[in-house]
Amino acid sequence: MKVKEPKTGGICQSRQGRDLGRYYLIKSVNADGTVMLVDGNFKKLAAPKKKNIKHLKLLPDRAESIAEKLADGRQVFDTEVYSALKTYNNPQKDCEETENV
């Protein structure tokens, strides 16, 4: 399933730039064709990254609980965002941990 429209709380991957391959959560969608991205580690909620939609690969996955909080105006913490993206940004680390158990 291919996602065409970015939505708040959606997960995406950078296709261009110095952050190539990095996964982000969409904090908000701007009318000018850009989105505000956060990852809870390098790009915090207080200072999101502005990126053009054309430079992103939109994934069908979505962080529902975070999306609801953002829509309601409730406080979201960087640790929540980081935890939601942990499996995307560190897949080899998770595989190593399961092999050692």
Protein backbone atom coordinates (compact mmCIF):
# COMPACT_ATOMS: atom_id res chain seq x y z
CA MET A 1 0.00 0.00 0.00
CA LYS A 2 1.48 3.31 -1.07
CA VAL A 3 0.75 6.43 0.97
CA LYS A 4 0.28 9.59 -1.08
CA GLU A 5 -0.75 12.19 1.50
CA PRO A 6 1.26 12.86 4.67
CA LYS A 7 -0.70 12.79 7.92
CA THR A 8 0.17 13.91 11.42
CA GLY A 9 1.66 10.99 13.33
CA GLY A 10 2.72 9.22 10.16
CA ILE A 11 6.15 7.65 9.81
CA CYS A 12 8.41 8.51 6.90
CA GLN A 13 11.96 7.96 5.68
CA SER A 14 14.28 10.60 4.28
CA ARG A 15 15.24 9.99 0.63
CA GLN A 16 17.56 12.96 0.15
CA GLY A 17 19.91 15.14 2.13
CA ARG A 18 22.45 14.55 4.83
CA ASP A 19 19.87 12.59 6.83
CA LEU A 20 19.36 10.05 4.01
CA GLY A 21 17.72 6.85 5.26
CA ARG A 22 16.70 8.26 8.65
CA TYR A 23 13.15 7.69 9.89
CA TYR A 24 10.97 10.50 11.26
CA LEU A 25 7.52 11.08 12.67
CA ILE A 26 5.41 13.79 11.01
CA LYS A 27 4.58 16.45 13.61
CA SER A 28 2.57 18.68 11.26
CA VAL A 29 1.79 19.23 7.58
CA ASN A 30 2.24 22.72 6.11
CA ALA A 31 0.21 24.16 3.22
CA ASP A 32 3.35 24.92 1.16
CA GLY A 33 4.20 21.25 0.53
CA THR A 34 6.50 20.78 3.50
CA VAL A 35 6.21 18.83 6.73
CA MET A 36 7.68 19.27 10.19
CA LEU A 37 9.56 16.15 11.29
CA VAL A 38 10.79 14.90 14.65
CA ASP A 39 12.71 11.82 15.75
CA GLY A 40 12.98 12.37 19.50
CA ASN A 41 16.77 12.23 19.40
CA PHE A 42 18.42 14.62 16.96
CA LYS A 43 15.29 16.55 16.01
CA LYS A 44 13.25 17.24 19.12
CA LEU A 45 9.63 18.41 19.33
CA ALA A 46 10.77 21.90 20.36
CA ALA A 47 12.81 22.32 17.14
CA PRO A 48 11.40 20.10 14.36
CA LYS A 49 13.02 19.67 10.94
CA LYS A 50 11.27 21.23 7.95
CA LYS A 51 11.45 19.00 4.87
CA ASN A 52 9.83 18.91 1.43
CA ILE A 53 7.35 16.06 0.91
CA LYS A 54 9.09 15.15 -2.37
CA HIS A 55 12.20 14.19 -0.38
CA LEU A 56 10.36 11.69 1.80
CA LYS A 57 9.20 8.12 1.46
CA LEU A 58 5.86 7.95 3.29
CA LEU A 59 5.25 4.64 5.08
CA PRO A 60 1.80 3.15 5.75
CA ASP A 61 2.64 2.91 9.47
CA ARG A 62 1.37 5.51 11.91
CA ALA A 63 1.92 6.20 15.62
CA GLU A 64 -1.75 6.42 16.60
CA SER A 65 -1.30 7.40 20.25
CA ILE A 66 1.10 10.23 19.39
CA ALA A 67 -1.13 11.39 16.52
CA GLU A 68 -4.11 11.62 18.88
CA LYS A 69 -2.10 13.64 21.40
CA LEU A 70 -0.87 16.04 18.72
CA ALA A 71 -4.41 16.49 17.37
CA ASP A 72 -5.84 17.16 20.84
CA GLY A 73 -3.05 19.56 21.74
CA ARG A 74 -1.84 17.40 24.62
CA GLN A 75 1.83 17.28 25.55
CA VAL A 76 3.99 14.74 23.73
CA PHE A 77 7.45 13.87 25.02
CA ASP A 78 10.55 13.26 22.93
CA THR A 79 10.98 9.87 24.59
CA GLU A 80 7.59 8.75 23.23
CA VAL A 81 8.64 9.68 19.70
CA TYR A 82 12.04 8.04 20.12
CA SER A 83 10.42 4.82 21.36
CA ALA A 84 7.96 4.77 18.46
CA LEU A 85 10.82 5.08 15.92
CA LYS A 86 13.31 2.84 17.72
CA THR A 87 12.59 -0.25 15.62
CA TYR A 88 12.94 1.74 12.40
CA ASN A 89 16.17 3.62 13.17
CA ASN A 90 18.00 0.74 14.90
CA PRO A 91 16.90 -2.50 13.22
CA GLN A 92 20.31 -4.23 13.43
CA LYS A 93 20.64 -3.44 17.15
CA ASP A 94 17.29 -5.10 17.90
CA CYS A 95 18.29 -8.17 15.88
CA GLU A 96 21.55 -8.50 17.82
CA GLU A 97 19.73 -8.26 21.16
CA THR A 98 17.29 -11.04 20.23
CA GLU A 99 20.15 -13.28 19.03
CA ASN A 100 22.01 -12.92 22.33
CA VAL A 101 18.98 -13.94 24.44
